[in-house]
Amino acid sequence: MKQLFHPEIEDVLPADVFAALGDPIRLGILVSLADCDEVDKARCGAFTELASPSLLSYHFAKLREAGITRSRAEGTVRFLSIRREEFERRFPGLLDSVIETARRDPSVPRIKIDV
């Protein structure tokens, strides 16, 4: 399996972050990850209620390439997590603010992730 690109946190640009977070499905993915009980245990396949698998792959890539999430492969399964600690150092308070605002927005889709 090919290695996925994860930008160094110092190379993450605010414009890329805001562009990635400008989509309701990606916001729903972020909120669902934030609400997940276990860090780094959210399977990519758990998000199929939000969109088709091919569209989800696109959204996962946008979040990963913007530096917001990390994908980890284990066999044939990919796990998704928020790069919360790194992101907090680079942009203090930004993710928490976005997540809390998205939680209050009824137009942002969300799911409960079972791990």
PDB file of N, CA and C in Angstrom:
ATOM      1  N   MET A   1       0.840  -1.173   0.000  1.00  0.00           N
ATOM      2  CA  MET A   1       0.000   0.000   0.000  1.00  0.00           C
ATOM      3  C   MET A   1       0.889   1.242   0.000  1.00  0.00           C
ATOM      4  N   LYS A   2       0.544   2.211  -0.821  1.00  0.00           N
ATOM      5  CA  LYS A   2       1.373   3.403  -0.946  1.00  0.00           C
ATOM      6  C   LYS A   2       1.243   4.291   0.291  1.00  0.00           C
ATOM      7  N   GLN A   3       2.340   4.945   0.621  1.00  0.00           N
ATOM      8  CA  GLN A   3       2.401   5.839   1.780  1.00  0.00           C
ATOM      9  C   GLN A   3       1.586   7.098   1.494  1.00  0.00           C
ATOM     10  N   LEU A   4       0.759   7.518   2.441  1.00  0.00           N
ATOM     11  CA  LEU A   4      -0.056   8.717   2.261  1.00  0.00           C
ATOM     12  C   LEU A   4       0.723   9.962   2.677  1.00  0.00           C
ATOM     13  N   PHE A   5       0.469  11.053   1.988  1.00  0.00           N
ATOM     14  CA  PHE A   5       1.110  12.328   2.296  1.00  0.00           C
ATOM     15  C   PHE A   5       0.435  12.983   3.491  1.00  0.00           C
ATOM     16  N   HIS A   6       1.239  13.349   4.473  1.00  0.00           N
ATOM     17  CA  HIS A   6       0.797  14.148   5.621  1.00  0.00           C
ATOM     18  C   HIS A   6       1.762  15.330   5.717  1.00  0.00           C
ATOM     19  N   PRO A   7       1.279  16.546   5.542  1.00  0.00           N
ATOM     20  CA  PRO A   7       2.198  17.679   5.590  1.00  0.00           C
ATOM     21  C   PRO A   7       2.775  17.869   6.993  1.00  0.00           C
ATOM     22  N   GLU A   8       3.989  18.376   7.044  1.00  0.00           N
ATOM     23  CA  GLU A   8       4.549  18.788   8.333  1.00  0.00           C
ATOM     24  C   GLU A   8       3.669  19.907   8.864  1.00  0.00           C
ATOM     25  N   ILE A   9       3.429  19.939  10.142  1.00  0.00           N
ATOM     26  CA  ILE A   9       2.509  20.924  10.705  1.00  0.00           C
ATOM     27  C   ILE A   9       2.992  22.358  10.460  1.00  0.00           C
ATOM     28  N   GLU A  10       4.302  22.550  10.370  1.00  0.00           N
ATOM     29  CA  GLU A  10       4.843  23.887  10.101  1.00  0.00           C
ATOM     30  C   GLU A  10       4.515  24.354   8.683  1.00  0.00           C
ATOM     31  N   ASP A  11       4.231  23.412   7.791  1.00  0.00           N
ATOM     32  CA  ASP A  11       3.914  23.739   6.399  1.00  0.00           C
ATOM     33  C   ASP A  11       2.424  23.933   6.150  1.00  0.00           C
ATOM     34  N   VAL A  12       1.604  23.703   7.170  1.00  0.00           N
ATOM     35  CA  VAL A  12       0.157  23.834   7.025  1.00  0.00           C
ATOM     36  C   VAL A  12      -0.196  25.324   6.949  1.00  0.00           C
ATOM     37  N   LEU A  13      -0.943  25.680   5.917  1.00  0.00           N
ATOM     38  CA  LEU A  13      -1.320  27.073   5.696  1.00  0.00           C
ATOM     39  C   LEU A  13      -2.766  27.315   6.123  1.00  0.00           C
ATOM     40  N   PRO A  14      -3.026  28.461   6.770  1.00  0.00           N
ATOM     41  CA  PRO A  14      -4.407  28.759   7.189  1.00  0.00           C
ATOM     42  C   PRO A  14      -5.401  28.706   6.029  1.00  0.00           C
ATOM     43  N   ALA A  15      -5.027  29.197   4.863  1.00  0.00           N
ATOM     44  CA  ALA A  15      -5.949  29.188   3.717  1.00  0.00           C
ATOM     45  C   ALA A  15      -6.358  27.765   3.350  1.00  0.00           C
ATOM     46  N   ASP A  16      -5.425  26.811   3.424  1.00  0.00           N
ATOM     47  CA  ASP A  16      -5.741  25.414   3.119  1.00  0.00           C
ATOM     48  C   ASP A  16      -6.670  24.817   4.175  1.00  0.00           C
ATOM     49  N   VAL A  17      -6.448  25.191   5.424  1.00  0.00           N
ATOM     50  CA  VAL A  17      -7.294  24.706   6.520  1.00  0.00           C
ATOM     51  C   VAL A  17      -8.725  25.211   6.335  1.00  0.00           C
ATOM     52  N   PHE A  18      -8.863  26.510   6.080  1.00  0.00           N
ATOM     53  CA  PHE A  18     -10.205  27.072   5.918  1.00  0.00           C
ATOM     54  C   PHE A  18     -10.900  26.527   4.680  1.00  0.00           C
ATOM     55  N   ALA A  19     -10.156  26.300   3.618  1.00  0.00           N
ATOM     56  CA  ALA A  19     -10.747  25.709   2.411  1.00  0.00           C
ATOM     57  C   ALA A  19     -11.250  24.301   2.706  1.00  0.00           C
ATOM     58  N   ALA A  20     -10.462  23.525   3.437  1.00  0.00           N
ATOM     59  CA  ALA A  20     -10.870  22.152   3.765  1.00  0.00           C
ATOM     60  C   ALA A  20     -12.088  22.140   4.672  1.00  0.00           C
ATOM     61  N   LEU A  21     -12.172  23.099   5.575  1.00  0.00           N
ATOM     62  CA  LEU A  21     -13.283  23.127   6.525  1.00  0.00           C
ATOM     63  C   LEU A  21     -14.515  23.849   5.986  1.00  0.00           C
ATOM     64  N   GLY A  22     -14.453  24.290   4.731  1.00  0.00           N
ATOM     65  CA  GLY A  22     -15.571  24.994   4.133  1.00  0.00           C
ATOM     66  C   GLY A  22     -16.649  24.089   3.555  1.00  0.00           C
ATOM     67  N   ASP A  23     -16.505  22.805   3.718  1.00  0.00           N
ATOM     68  CA  ASP A  23     -17.471  21.849   3.172  1.00  0.00           C
ATOM     69  C   ASP A  23     -18.238  21.175   4.313  1.00  0.00           C
ATOM     70  N   PRO A  24     -19.565  21.109   4.239  1.00  0.00           N
ATOM     71  CA  PRO A  24     -20.350  20.516   5.329  1.00  0.00           C
ATOM     72  C   PRO A  24     -20.018  19.047   5.610  1.00  0.00           C
ATOM     73  N   ILE A  25     -19.720  18.264   4.592  1.00  0.00           N
ATOM     74  CA  ILE A  25     -19.385  16.853   4.830  1.00  0.00           C
ATOM     75  C   ILE A  25     -18.074  16.760   5.602  1.00  0.00           C
ATOM     76  N   ARG A  26     -17.090  17.571   5.223  1.00  0.00           N
ATOM     77  CA  ARG A  26     -15.813  17.544   5.944  1.00  0.00           C
ATOM     78  C   ARG A  26     -15.987  18.036   7.377  1.00  0.00           C
ATOM     79  N   LEU A  27     -16.846  19.024   7.587  1.00  0.00           N
ATOM     80  CA  LEU A  27     -17.142  19.456   8.959  1.00  0.00           C
ATOM     81  C   LEU A  27     -17.804  18.323   9.737  1.00  0.00           C
ATOM     82  N   GLY A  28     -18.705  17.592   9.083  1.00  0.00           N
ATOM     83  CA  GLY A  28     -19.350  16.446   9.733  1.00  0.00           C
ATOM     84  C   GLY A  28     -18.347  15.373  10.100  1.00  0.00           C
ATOM     85  N   ILE A  29     -17.382  15.124   9.230  1.00  0.00           N
ATOM     86  CA  ILE A  29     -16.320  14.163   9.529  1.00  0.00           C
ATOM     87  C   ILE A  29     -15.530  14.636  10.734  1.00  0.00           C
ATOM     88  N   LEU A  30     -15.169  15.925  10.758  1.00  0.00           N
ATOM     89  CA  LEU A  30     -14.388  16.482  11.862  1.00  0.00           C
ATOM     90  C   LEU A  30     -15.137  16.370  13.188  1.00  0.00           C
ATOM     91  N   VAL A  31     -16.415  16.738  13.202  1.00  0.00           N
ATOM     92  CA  VAL A  31     -17.215  16.656  14.434  1.00  0.00           C
ATOM     93  C   VAL A  31     -17.337  15.206  14.892  1.00  0.00           C
ATOM     94  N   SER A  32     -17.584  14.311  13.959  1.00  0.00           N
ATOM     95  CA  SER A  32     -17.700  12.889  14.311  1.00  0.00           C
ATOM     96  C   SER A  32     -16.393  12.360  14.894  1.00  0.00           C
ATOM     97  N   LEU A  33     -15.266  12.763  14.319  1.00  0.00           N
ATOM     98  CA  LEU A  33     -13.965  12.348  14.863  1.00  0.00           C
ATOM     99  C   LEU A  33     -13.746  12.934  16.257  1.00  0.00           C
ATOM    100  N   ALA A  34     -14.134  14.185  16.429  1.00  0.00           N
ATOM    101  CA  ALA A  34     -13.964  14.833  17.742  1.00  0.00           C
ATOM    102  C   ALA A  34     -14.806  14.142  18.806  1.00  0.00           C
ATOM    103  N   ASP A  35     -15.959  13.605  18.409  1.00  0.00           N
ATOM    104  CA  ASP A  35     -16.856  12.934  19.352  1.00  0.00           C
ATOM    105  C   ASP A  35     -16.531  11.458  19.549  1.00  0.00           C
ATOM    106  N   CYS A  36     -15.584  10.942  18.787  1.00  0.00           N
ATOM    107  CA  CYS A  36     -15.208   9.530  18.872  1.00  0.00           C
ATOM    108  C   CYS A  36     -14.525   9.260  20.211  1.00  0.00           C
ATOM    109  N   ASP A  37     -14.944   8.189  20.873  1.00  0.00           N
ATOM    110  CA  ASP A  37     -14.418   7.859  22.195  1.00  0.00           C
ATOM    111  C   ASP A  37     -12.942   7.502  22.186  1.00  0.00           C
ATOM    112  N   GLU A  38     -12.485   6.844  21.137  1.00  0.00           N
ATOM    113  CA  GLU A  38     -11.096   6.386  21.086  1.00  0.00           C
ATOM    114  C   GLU A  38     -10.348   7.063  19.948  1.00  0.00           C
ATOM    115  N   VAL A  39      -9.276   7.733  20.283  1.00  0.00           N
ATOM    116  CA  VAL A  39      -8.456   8.404  19.281  1.00  0.00           C
ATOM    117  C   VAL A  39      -7.800   7.354  18.388  1.00  0.00           C
ATOM    118  N   ASP A  40      -7.753   7.638  17.109  1.00  0.00           N
ATOM    119  CA  ASP A  40      -7.089   6.787  16.117  1.00  0.00           C
ATOM    120  C   ASP A  40      -7.769   5.420  15.952  1.00  0.00           C
ATOM    121  N   LYS A  41      -9.047   5.328  16.239  1.00  0.00           N
ATOM    122  CA  LYS A  41      -9.766   4.070  16.059  1.00  0.00           C
ATOM    123  C   LYS A  41     -10.971   4.228  15.138  1.00  0.00           C
ATOM    124  N   ALA A  42     -11.110   5.396  14.505  1.00  0.00           N
ATOM    125  CA  ALA A  42     -12.240   5.626  13.604  1.00  0.00           C
ATOM    126  C   ALA A  42     -11.903   5.071  12.227  1.00  0.00           C
ATOM    127  N   ARG A  43     -12.620   4.050  11.825  1.00  0.00           N
ATOM    128  CA  ARG A  43     -12.417   3.449  10.508  1.00  0.00           C
ATOM    129  C   ARG A  43     -13.018   4.356   9.445  1.00  0.00           C
ATOM    130  N   CYS A  44     -12.313   4.494   8.361  1.00  0.00           N
ATOM    131  CA  CYS A  44     -12.820   5.306   7.251  1.00  0.00           C
ATOM    132  C   CYS A  44     -14.178   4.798   6.779  1.00  0.00           C
ATOM    133  N   GLY A  45     -14.382   3.489   6.835  1.00  0.00           N
ATOM    134  CA  GLY A  45     -15.643   2.898   6.414  1.00  0.00           C
ATOM    135  C   GLY A  45     -16.826   3.235   7.300  1.00  0.00           C
ATOM    136  N   ALA A  46     -16.577   3.830   8.463  1.00  0.00           N
ATOM    137  CA  ALA A  46     -17.659   4.175   9.382  1.00  0.00           C
ATOM    138  C   ALA A  46     -18.437   5.413   8.935  1.00  0.00           C
ATOM    139  N   PHE A  47     -17.965   6.098   7.911  1.00  0.00           N
ATOM    140  CA  PHE A  47     -18.565   7.365   7.507  1.00  0.00           C
ATOM    141  C   PHE A  47     -19.497   7.246   6.308  1.00  0.00           C
ATOM    142  N   THR A  48     -19.842   6.035   5.899  1.00  0.00           N
ATOM    143  CA  THR A  48     -20.617   5.853   4.673  1.00  0.00           C
ATOM    144  C   THR A  48     -22.023   6.447   4.736  1.00  0.00           C
ATOM    145  N   GLU A  49     -22.502   6.792   5.917  1.00  0.00           N
ATOM    146  CA  GLU A  49     -23.803   7.470   6.012  1.00  0.00           C
ATOM    147  C   GLU A  49     -23.720   8.901   5.488  1.00  0.00           C
ATOM    148  N   LEU A  50     -22.501   9.457   5.456  1.00  0.00           N
ATOM    149  CA  LEU A  50     -22.328  10.847   5.030  1.00  0.00           C
ATOM    150  C   LEU A  50     -22.212  11.003   3.515  1.00  0.00           C
ATOM    151  N   ALA A  51     -21.659  10.003   2.844  1.00  0.00           N
ATOM    152  CA  ALA A  51     -21.452  10.099   1.394  1.00  0.00           C
ATOM    153  C   ALA A  51     -21.024   8.733   0.859  1.00  0.00           C
ATOM    154  N   SER A  52     -20.904   8.647  -0.454  1.00  0.00           N
ATOM    155  CA  SER A  52     -20.443   7.411  -1.081  1.00  0.00           C
ATOM    156  C   SER A  52     -18.964   7.195  -0.772  1.00  0.00           C
ATOM    157  N   PRO A  53     -18.485   5.954  -0.839  1.00  0.00           N
ATOM    158  CA  PRO A  53     -17.069   5.695  -0.550  1.00  0.00           C
ATOM    159  C   PRO A  53     -16.100   6.524  -1.396  1.00  0.00           C
ATOM    160  N   SER A  54     -16.392   6.692  -2.678  1.00  0.00           N
ATOM    161  CA  SER A  54     -15.461   7.470  -3.515  1.00  0.00           C
ATOM    162  C   SER A  54     -15.456   8.943  -3.123  1.00  0.00           C
ATOM    163  N   LEU A  55     -16.617   9.486  -2.796  1.00  0.00           N
ATOM    164  CA  LEU A  55     -16.679  10.884  -2.358  1.00  0.00           C
ATOM    165  C   LEU A  55     -16.012  11.045  -0.993  1.00  0.00           C
ATOM    166  N   LEU A  56     -16.181  10.064  -0.124  1.00  0.00           N
ATOM    167  CA  LEU A  56     -15.518  10.113   1.180  1.00  0.00           C
ATOM    168  C   LEU A  56     -14.004  10.096   1.021  1.00  0.00           C
ATOM    169  N   SER A  57     -13.489   9.291   0.112  1.00  0.00           N
ATOM    170  CA  SER A  57     -12.042   9.261  -0.135  1.00  0.00           C
ATOM    171  C   SER A  57     -11.534  10.648  -0.505  1.00  0.00           C
ATOM    172  N   TYR A  58     -12.285  11.341  -1.325  1.00  0.00           N
ATOM    173  CA  TYR A  58     -11.938  12.706  -1.713  1.00  0.00           C
ATOM    174  C   TYR A  58     -11.905  13.621  -0.485  1.00  0.00           C
ATOM    175  N   HIS A  59     -12.945  13.549   0.341  1.00  0.00           N
ATOM    176  CA  HIS A  59     -13.020  14.400   1.531  1.00  0.00           C
ATOM    177  C   HIS A  59     -11.925  14.055   2.547  1.00  0.00           C
ATOM    178  N   PHE A  60     -11.664  12.775   2.730  1.00  0.00           N
ATOM    179  CA  PHE A  60     -10.579  12.369   3.638  1.00  0.00           C
ATOM    180  C   PHE A  60      -9.245  12.937   3.162  1.00  0.00           C
ATOM    181  N   ALA A  61      -9.000  12.885   1.854  1.00  0.00           N
ATOM    182  CA  ALA A  61      -7.751  13.403   1.295  1.00  0.00           C
ATOM    183  C   ALA A  61      -7.641  14.912   1.516  1.00  0.00           C
ATOM    184  N   LYS A  62      -8.725  15.630   1.318  1.00  0.00           N
ATOM    185  CA  LYS A  62      -8.705  17.082   1.528  1.00  0.00           C
ATOM    186  C   LYS A  62      -8.367  17.423   2.973  1.00  0.00           C
ATOM    187  N   LEU A  63      -8.964  16.713   3.923  1.00  0.00           N
ATOM    188  CA  LEU A  63      -8.671  16.962   5.343  1.00  0.00           C
ATOM    189  C   LEU A  63      -7.221  16.600   5.673  1.00  0.00           C
ATOM    190  N   ARG A  64      -6.754  15.490   5.128  1.00  0.00           N
ATOM    191  CA  ARG A  64      -5.376  15.042   5.386  1.00  0.00           C
ATOM    192  C   ARG A  64      -4.366  15.995   4.761  1.00  0.00           C
ATOM    193  N   GLU A  65      -4.588  16.379   3.516  1.00  0.00           N
ATOM    194  CA  GLU A  65      -3.655  17.263   2.821  1.00  0.00           C
ATOM    195  C   GLU A  65      -3.632  18.667   3.413  1.00  0.00           C
ATOM    196  N   ALA A  66      -4.714  19.075   4.077  1.00  0.00           N
ATOM    197  CA  ALA A  66      -4.749  20.367   4.761  1.00  0.00           C
ATOM    198  C   ALA A  66      -4.077  20.294   6.133  1.00  0.00           C
ATOM    199  N   GLY A  67      -3.690  19.085   6.541  1.00  0.00           N
ATOM    200  CA  GLY A  67      -2.993  18.916   7.813  1.00  0.00           C
ATOM    201  C   GLY A  67      -3.889  18.730   9.018  1.00  0.00           C
ATOM    202  N   ILE A  68      -5.186  18.554   8.798  1.00  0.00           N
ATOM    203  CA  ILE A  68      -6.141  18.460   9.899  1.00  0.00           C
ATOM    204  C   ILE A  68      -6.228  17.046  10.457  1.00  0.00           C
ATOM    205  N   THR A  69      -6.157  16.059   9.583  1.00  0.00           N
ATOM    206  CA  THR A  69      -6.295  14.662  10.021  1.00  0.00           C
ATOM    207  C   THR A  69      -5.069  13.848   9.641  1.00  0.00           C
ATOM    208  N   ARG A  70      -5.001  12.669  10.236  1.00  0.00           N
ATOM    209  CA  ARG A  70      -3.961  11.693   9.923  1.00  0.00           C
ATOM    210  C   ARG A  70      -4.666  10.382   9.582  1.00  0.00           C
ATOM    211  N   SER A  71      -4.192   9.724   8.543  1.00  0.00           N
ATOM    212  CA  SER A  71      -4.709   8.403   8.166  1.00  0.00           C
ATOM    213  C   SER A  71      -3.639   7.366   8.461  1.00  0.00           C
ATOM    214  N   ARG A  72      -4.079   6.249   8.997  1.00  0.00           N
ATOM    215  CA  ARG A  72      -3.165   5.157   9.343  1.00  0.00           C
ATOM    216  C   ARG A  72      -3.740   3.872   8.776  1.00  0.00           C
ATOM    217  N   ALA A  73      -2.888   3.138   8.066  1.00  0.00           N
ATOM    218  CA  ALA A  73      -3.323   1.859   7.486  1.00  0.00           C
ATOM    219  C   ALA A  73      -2.933   0.723   8.409  1.00  0.00           C
ATOM    220  N   GLU A  74      -3.876  -0.193   8.561  1.00  0.00           N
ATOM    221  CA  GLU A  74      -3.630  -1.419   9.331  1.00  0.00           C
ATOM    222  C   GLU A  74      -4.251  -2.548   8.520  1.00  0.00           C
ATOM    223  N   GLY A  75      -3.408  -3.252   7.800  1.00  0.00           N
ATOM    224  CA  GLY A  75      -3.925  -4.257   6.873  1.00  0.00           C
ATOM    225  C   GLY A  75      -4.674  -3.563   5.757  1.00  0.00           C
ATOM    226  N   THR A  76      -5.913  -3.967   5.547  1.00  0.00           N
ATOM    227  CA  THR A  76      -6.723  -3.349   4.493  1.00  0.00           C
ATOM    228  C   THR A  76      -7.621  -2.234   5.027  1.00  0.00           C
ATOM    229  N   VAL A  77      -7.505  -1.933   6.303  1.00  0.00           N
ATOM    230  CA  VAL A  77      -8.359  -0.926   6.928  1.00  0.00           C
ATOM    231  C   VAL A  77      -7.558   0.355   7.157  1.00  0.00           C
ATOM    232  N   ARG A  78      -8.221   1.483   6.921  1.00  0.00           N
ATOM    233  CA  ARG A  78      -7.608   2.777   7.226  1.00  0.00           C
ATOM    234  C   ARG A  78      -8.343   3.411   8.390  1.00  0.00           C
ATOM    235  N   PHE A  79      -7.558   3.975   9.297  1.00  0.00           N
ATOM    236  CA  PHE A  79      -8.104   4.667  10.454  1.00  0.00           C
ATOM    237  C   PHE A  79      -7.813   6.151  10.321  1.00  0.00           C
ATOM    238  N   LEU A  80      -8.717   6.959  10.806  1.00  0.00           N
ATOM    239  CA  LEU A  80      -8.636   8.401  10.676  1.00  0.00           C
ATOM    240  C   LEU A  80      -8.650   9.028  12.060  1.00  0.00           C
ATOM    241  N   SER A  81      -7.809  10.045  12.261  1.00  0.00           N
ATOM    242  CA  SER A  81      -7.804  10.770  13.535  1.00  0.00           C
ATOM    243  C   SER A  81      -7.463  12.230  13.282  1.00  0.00           C
ATOM    244  N   ILE A  82      -7.831  13.069  14.232  1.00  0.00           N
ATOM    245  CA  ILE A  82      -7.517  14.493  14.171  1.00  0.00           C
ATOM    246  C   ILE A  82      -6.104  14.692  14.706  1.00  0.00           C
ATOM    247  N   ARG A  83      -5.340  15.523  14.061  1.00  0.00           N
ATOM    248  CA  ARG A  83      -3.989  15.856  14.532  1.00  0.00           C
ATOM    249  C   ARG A  83      -4.096  16.975  15.577  1.00  0.00           C
ATOM    250  N   ARG A  84      -4.877  16.722  16.593  1.00  0.00           N
ATOM    251  CA  ARG A  84      -5.284  17.748  17.552  1.00  0.00           C
ATOM    252  C   ARG A  84      -4.104  18.428  18.250  1.00  0.00           C
ATOM    253  N   GLU A  85      -3.189  17.672  18.814  1.00  0.00           N
ATOM    254  CA  GLU A  85      -2.087  18.274  19.570  1.00  0.00           C
ATOM    255  C   GLU A  85      -1.186  19.121  18.670  1.00  0.00           C
ATOM    256  N   GLU A  86      -0.825  18.575  17.524  1.00  0.00           N
ATOM    257  CA  GLU A  86       0.007  19.332  16.583  1.00  0.00           C
ATOM    258  C   GLU A  86      -0.710  20.592  16.111  1.00  0.00           C
ATOM    259  N   PHE A  87      -1.985  20.427  15.800  1.00  0.00           N
ATOM    260  CA  PHE A  87      -2.774  21.540  15.289  1.00  0.00           C
ATOM    261  C   PHE A  87      -2.930  22.624  16.347  1.00  0.00           C
ATOM    262  N   GLU A  88      -3.110  22.207  17.582  1.00  0.00           N
ATOM    263  CA  GLU A  88      -3.272  23.168  18.682  1.00  0.00           C
ATOM    264  C   GLU A  88      -2.002  24.003  18.856  1.00  0.00           C
ATOM    265  N   ARG A  89      -0.842  23.381  18.682  1.00  0.00           N
ATOM    266  CA  ARG A  89       0.416  24.144  18.777  1.00  0.00           C
ATOM    267  C   ARG A  89       0.529  25.168  17.650  1.00  0.00           C
ATOM    268  N   ARG A  90       0.106  24.769  16.457  1.00  0.00           N
ATOM    269  CA  ARG A  90       0.233  25.645  15.282  1.00  0.00           C
ATOM    270  C   ARG A  90      -0.836  26.734  15.260  1.00  0.00           C
ATOM    271  N   PHE A  91      -2.076  26.367  15.570  1.00  0.00           N
ATOM    272  CA  PHE A  91      -3.207  27.297  15.520  1.00  0.00           C
ATOM    273  C   PHE A  91      -4.025  27.161  16.811  1.00  0.00           C
ATOM    274  N   PRO A  92      -3.547  27.722  17.916  1.00  0.00           N
ATOM    275  CA  PRO A  92      -4.218  27.539  19.208  1.00  0.00           C
ATOM    276  C   PRO A  92      -5.698  27.929  19.176  1.00  0.00           C
ATOM    277  N   GLY A  93      -6.533  26.985  19.613  1.00  0.00           N
ATOM    278  CA  GLY A  93      -7.961  27.221  19.750  1.00  0.00           C
ATOM    279  C   GLY A  93      -8.784  27.130  18.473  1.00  0.00           C
ATOM    280  N   LEU A  94      -8.147  27.049  17.326  1.00  0.00           N
ATOM    281  CA  LEU A  94      -8.892  27.072  16.069  1.00  0.00           C
ATOM    282  C   LEU A  94      -9.804  25.859  15.904  1.00  0.00           C
ATOM    283  N   LEU A  95      -9.265  24.661  16.060  1.00  0.00           N
ATOM    284  CA  LEU A  95     -10.089  23.461  15.864  1.00  0.00           C
ATOM    285  C   LEU A  95     -11.230  23.389  16.865  1.00  0.00           C
ATOM    286  N   ASP A  96     -10.948  23.694  18.121  1.00  0.00           N
ATOM    287  CA  ASP A  96     -12.015  23.645  19.125  1.00  0.00           C
ATOM    288  C   ASP A  96     -13.133  24.617  18.769  1.00  0.00           C
ATOM    289  N   SER A  97     -12.773  25.801  18.305  1.00  0.00           N
ATOM    290  CA  SER A  97     -13.772  26.790  17.915  1.00  0.00           C
ATOM    291  C   SER A  97     -14.601  26.304  16.728  1.00  0.00           C
ATOM    292  N   VAL A  98     -13.937  25.753  15.732  1.00  0.00           N
ATOM    293  CA  VAL A  98     -14.642  25.241  14.549  1.00  0.00           C
ATOM    294  C   VAL A  98     -15.555  24.080  14.935  1.00  0.00           C
ATOM    295  N   ILE A  99     -15.059  23.173  15.750  1.00  0.00           N
ATOM    296  CA  ILE A  99     -15.845  22.001  16.150  1.00  0.00           C
ATOM    297  C   ILE A  99     -17.076  22.430  16.945  1.00  0.00           C
ATOM    298  N   GLU A 100     -16.896  23.326  17.892  1.00  0.00           N
ATOM    299  CA  GLU A 100     -18.038  23.777  18.704  1.00  0.00           C
ATOM    300  C   GLU A 100     -19.075  24.506  17.853  1.00  0.00           C
ATOM    301  N   THR A 101     -18.631  25.320  16.932  1.00  0.00           N
ATOM    302  CA  THR A 101     -19.556  26.025  16.041  1.00  0.00           C
ATOM    303  C   THR A 101     -20.292  25.034  15.140  1.00  0.00           C
ATOM    304  N   ALA A 102     -19.578  24.055  14.603  1.00  0.00           N
ATOM    305  CA  ALA A 102     -20.199  23.052  13.733  1.00  0.00           C
ATOM    306  C   ALA A 102     -21.207  22.203  14.507  1.00  0.00           C
ATOM    307  N   ARG A 103     -20.936  21.935  15.772  1.00  0.00           N
ATOM    308  CA  ARG A 103     -21.885  21.146  16.584  1.00  0.00           C
ATOM    309  C   ARG A 103     -23.221  21.866  16.729  1.00  0.00           C
ATOM    310  N   ARG A 104     -23.195  23.188  16.740  1.00  0.00           N
ATOM    311  CA  ARG A 104     -24.427  23.968  16.899  1.00  0.00           C
ATOM    312  C   ARG A 104     -25.165  24.191  15.577  1.00  0.00           C
ATOM    313  N   ASP A 105     -24.518  23.842  14.471  1.00  0.00           N
ATOM    314  CA  ASP A 105     -25.111  24.074  13.158  1.00  0.00           C
ATOM    315  C   ASP A 105     -25.901  22.846  12.715  1.00  0.00           C
ATOM    316  N   PRO A 106     -27.232  22.966  12.633  1.00  0.00           N
ATOM    317  CA  PRO A 106     -28.040  21.792  12.258  1.00  0.00           C
ATOM    318  C   PRO A 106     -27.819  21.325  10.820  1.00  0.00           C
ATOM    319  N   SER A 107     -27.194  22.142   9.987  1.00  0.00           N
ATOM    320  CA  SER A 107     -26.963  21.714   8.591  1.00  0.00           C
ATOM    321  C   SER A 107     -25.721  20.855   8.429  1.00  0.00           C
ATOM    322  N   VAL A 108     -24.909  20.750   9.478  1.00  0.00           N
ATOM    323  CA  VAL A 108     -23.699  19.928   9.406  1.00  0.00           C
ATOM    324  C   VAL A 108     -24.078  18.480   9.718  1.00  0.00           C
ATOM    325  N   PRO A 109     -23.864  17.565   8.773  1.00  0.00           N
ATOM    326  CA  PRO A 109     -24.213  16.160   9.023  1.00  0.00           C
ATOM    327  C   PRO A 109     -23.279  15.551  10.071  1.00  0.00           C
ATOM    328  N   ARG A 110     -23.817  14.650  10.848  1.00  0.00           N
ATOM    329  CA  ARG A 110     -22.977  13.978  11.843  1.00  0.00           C
ATOM    330  C   ARG A 110     -23.454  12.556  12.035  1.00  0.00           C
ATOM    331  N   ILE A 111     -22.491  11.742  12.456  1.00  0.00           N
ATOM    332  CA  ILE A 111     -22.792  10.344  12.749  1.00  0.00           C
ATOM    333  C   ILE A 111     -22.084   9.970  14.034  1.00  0.00           C
ATOM    334  N   LYS A 112     -22.524   8.902  14.633  1.00  0.00           N
ATOM    335  CA  LYS A 112     -21.860   8.342  15.803  1.00  0.00           C
ATOM    336  C   LYS A 112     -20.964   7.229  15.302  1.00  0.00           C
ATOM    337  N   ILE A 113     -19.683   7.316  15.634  1.00  0.00           N
ATOM    338  CA  ILE A 113     -18.720   6.311  15.184  1.00  0.00           C
ATOM    339  C   ILE A 113     -18.594   5.226  16.259  1.00  0.00           C
ATOM    340  N   ASP A 114     -18.843   4.002  15.865  1.00  0.00           N
ATOM    341  CA  ASP A 114     -18.630   2.859  16.763  1.00  0.00           C
ATOM    342  C   ASP A 114     -17.236   2.306  16.499  1.00  0.00           C
ATOM    343  N   VAL A 115     -16.456   2.189  17.549  1.00  0.00           N
ATOM    344  CA  VAL A 115     -15.103   1.617  17.395  1.00  0.00           C
ATOM    345  C   VAL A 115     -15.020   0.264  18.018  1.00  0.00           C
TER     346      VAL A 115
END
